[in-house]
Protein backbone atom coordinates (compact mmCIF):
# COMPACT_ATOMS: atom_id res chain seq x y z
CA MET A 1 0.09 0.03 0.01
CA SER A 2 1.36 3.44 -1.13
CA ILE A 3 1.83 6.42 1.39
CA LYS A 4 -0.88 8.23 -0.59
CA GLN A 5 -3.41 5.42 -0.16
CA GLU A 6 -2.71 5.11 3.49
CA LEU A 7 -2.99 8.73 4.11
CA ARG A 8 -6.32 8.83 2.42
CA ASP A 9 -7.49 5.60 4.46
CA ALA A 10 -6.44 7.64 7.49
CA ARG A 11 -8.28 10.74 6.49
CA GLU A 12 -11.54 8.61 5.82
CA ARG A 13 -11.12 7.16 9.11
CA LEU A 14 -10.74 10.38 10.86
CA GLY A 15 -13.80 11.82 9.15
CA LEU A 16 -16.06 9.09 10.67
CA LEU A 17 -14.82 10.19 14.16
CA SER A 18 -16.71 12.36 16.53
CA LEU A 19 -14.89 15.59 17.73
CA TYR A 20 -13.88 13.94 20.97
CA GLN A 21 -12.56 10.96 18.99
CA ARG A 22 -10.69 13.29 16.79
CA PHE A 23 -9.26 15.06 19.82
CA GLU A 24 -8.14 11.58 21.29
CA TYR A 25 -6.48 10.67 17.99
CA VAL A 26 -4.50 14.03 17.80
CA VAL A 27 -3.40 13.81 21.48
CA VAL A 28 -2.31 9.99 20.89
CA VAL A 29 -0.52 10.68 17.54
CA PHE A 30 1.25 13.91 19.30
CA LEU A 31 2.18 11.57 22.40
CA THR A 32 3.51 8.88 20.03
CA ALA A 33 5.75 11.55 18.12
CA LEU A 34 6.94 12.62 21.52
CA ILE A 35 7.86 9.07 22.67
CA ALA A 36 9.67 8.53 19.48
CA VAL A 37 11.83 11.54 20.08
CA ILE A 38 12.67 10.34 23.52
CA VAL A 39 13.51 6.73 22.08
CA VAL A 40 15.81 8.38 19.61
CA ALA A 41 17.52 10.54 22.04
CA ALA A 42 17.73 7.57 24.63
CA LEU A 43 19.25 5.39 21.82
CA TRP A 44 21.79 8.09 20.81
CA THR A 45 22.83 8.43 24.50
CA LEU A 46 23.05 4.89 24.89
CA THR A 47 25.14 4.55 22.10
CA LEU A 48 27.53 7.40 22.96
CA LYS A 49 27.93 6.20 26.45
CA ILE A 50 28.50 2.53 25.54
CA LEU A 51 30.91 3.45 22.53
CA PHE A 52 32.86 6.20 23.96
CA GLY A 53 32.50 5.65 27.79
CA LEU A 54 32.99 1.80 27.90
CA VAL A 55 34.75 0.64 24.67
CA LEU A 56 36.95 3.53 23.27
CA ALA A 57 37.90 4.92 26.72
CA GLY A 58 39.11 1.32 27.78
CA GLY A 59 36.75 1.31 30.54
CA PHE A 60 34.91 -1.77 29.36
CA ASP A 61 35.98 -4.45 32.00
CA PRO A 62 33.71 -7.68 31.46
CA SER A 63 34.02 -8.52 35.17
CA ASP A 64 32.75 -4.95 36.27
CA TYR A 65 29.22 -5.60 37.29
CA SER A 66 28.26 -2.06 37.64
CA ALA A 67 29.04 -1.21 33.87
CA PHE A 68 26.63 -4.05 33.11
CA GLN A 69 23.93 -2.60 35.31
CA ALA A 70 24.47 0.61 33.85
CA ALA A 71 24.21 -0.54 30.22
CA PHE A 72 21.36 -3.09 30.64
CA GLY A 73 19.38 -0.13 32.65
CA MET A 74 19.70 2.03 29.72
CA ILE A 75 18.81 -0.61 27.22
CA LEU A 76 15.56 -1.63 29.32
CA THR A 77 14.74 2.06 29.37
CA VAL A 78 14.58 2.11 25.62
CA ILE A 79 12.64 -1.06 25.52
CA ILE A 80 10.06 0.23 27.87
CA ALA A 81 9.69 3.48 25.86
CA LEU A 82 9.19 1.38 22.94
CA GLU A 83 6.41 -0.71 24.63
CA PHE A 84 4.59 2.30 25.56
CA LYS A 85 4.84 3.69 22.13
CA LYS A 86 3.46 0.33 20.82
CA THR A 87 0.49 0.68 23.32
CA LEU A 88 -0.30 4.20 21.92
CA LEU A 89 -0.21 3.04 18.51
CA VAL A 90 -2.98 0.44 19.06
CA VAL A 91 -5.10 3.15 20.23
CA ALA A 92 -4.02 5.24 17.39
CA GLU A 93 -4.92 2.50 14.75
CA ARG A 94 -8.40 2.26 16.52
CA ARG A 95 -7.89 -1.46 17.17
CA ASP A 96 -9.28 -0.56 20.72
CA THR A 97 -10.82 2.62 22.03
CA VAL A 98 -8.66 2.45 25.43
CA VAL A 99 -5.22 1.46 26.53
CA GLN A 100 -5.12 -2.47 27.06
CA ILE A 101 -4.72 -3.27 30.87
CA ARG A 102 -2.24 -6.03 29.59
CA SER A 103 0.00 -3.63 27.86
CA VAL A 104 0.05 -1.13 31.13
CA VAL A 105 0.88 -4.37 33.30
CA MET A 106 3.72 -5.35 30.76
CA ILE A 107 5.13 -1.73 30.97
CA ALA A 108 4.91 -2.24 34.81
CA LEU A 109 6.67 -5.52 34.82
CA LEU A 110 9.40 -4.08 32.36
CA ALA A 111 10.06 -1.21 34.71
CA ILE A 112 10.25 -3.25 37.64
CA CYS A 113 12.52 -5.77 36.07
CA ARG A 114 14.67 -2.83 35.18
CA LYS A 115 14.84 -1.65 38.66
CA VAL A 116 15.97 -5.00 40.02
CA ILE A 117 18.65 -5.04 37.42
CA ILE A 118 20.24 -1.71 38.23
CA LEU A 119 19.67 -2.43 41.92
CA ASP A 120 22.68 -2.26 44.18
CA LEU A 121 22.36 -5.44 46.47
CA THR A 122 25.11 -4.29 48.97
CA GLU A 123 22.96 -0.98 49.62
CA THR A 124 19.38 -2.31 49.54
CA ASP A 125 17.60 -3.68 52.75
CA ALA A 126 15.73 -7.08 52.62
CA LEU A 127 12.35 -5.27 52.76
CA HIS A 128 12.88 -3.47 49.60
CA ILE A 129 13.80 -6.61 47.81
CA LEU A 130 11.00 -8.22 49.31
CA SER A 131 8.37 -5.28 48.00
CA LEU A 132 9.88 -5.51 44.71
CA SER A 133 9.65 -9.42 44.48
CA ALA A 134 5.86 -9.18 45.77
CA ALA A 135 5.23 -6.55 42.93
CA ILE A 136 6.76 -8.74 40.48
CA LEU A 137 4.88 -11.79 41.52
CA ALA A 138 1.52 -9.75 41.55
CA LEU A 139 1.81 -8.07 38.24
CA GLY A 140 2.92 -11.53 36.55
CA VAL A 141 -0.34 -13.32 38.08
CA ILE A 142 -2.34 -10.32 36.71
CA TYR A 143 -0.67 -10.80 33.26
CA TRP A 144 -1.34 -14.52 33.21
CA LEU A 145 -5.07 -13.88 34.39
CA ILE A 146 -5.60 -11.34 31.75
CA GLY A 147 -4.17 -13.67 29.05
CA ARG A 148 -6.29 -16.62 30.06
CA ARG A 149 -9.26 -14.47 30.27
CA ASP A 150 -8.80 -12.77 26.58
CA PRO A 151 -7.26 -15.03 24.12
CA ALA A 152 -8.14 -12.63 21.31
CA GLU A 153 -6.00 -10.02 22.89
CA GLU A 154 -2.96 -12.44 22.67
CA GLU A 155 -2.69 -11.45 18.88
CA ILE A 156 -2.32 -7.78 19.58
CA ALA A 157 0.10 -7.99 22.27
């Protein structure tokens, strides 16, 4: 499908929407563009930090755990932003009128997993680790329950 045809189809779909639905569509498209800018900036920063800070500066030591923590933390930040953008694109394409709760739970799981990866265990108390574990377990159960309840959404996510 050509770009002209896609724009024509989008214009036709937009013409069928109410005023408020058009407003929602414009907001979602604007947020998607902002997140795309954030992803590009985060990817650029990640590339510069890994390339210049670790590799070219000679600071890349495979046995240095903090370097891996920082790199994986930045990578997961980009992945979280991409997942958030994907959620907004589903709303923009009108496959569904609301943000799917399964996508929100997935983003929360990614954010908590990122926190666990960058966590310094020498400075973290047991209660903090227990609370993160409980949150991961609860979100995992919710994600599983939502997946069992609506198999049609499995195709979207």
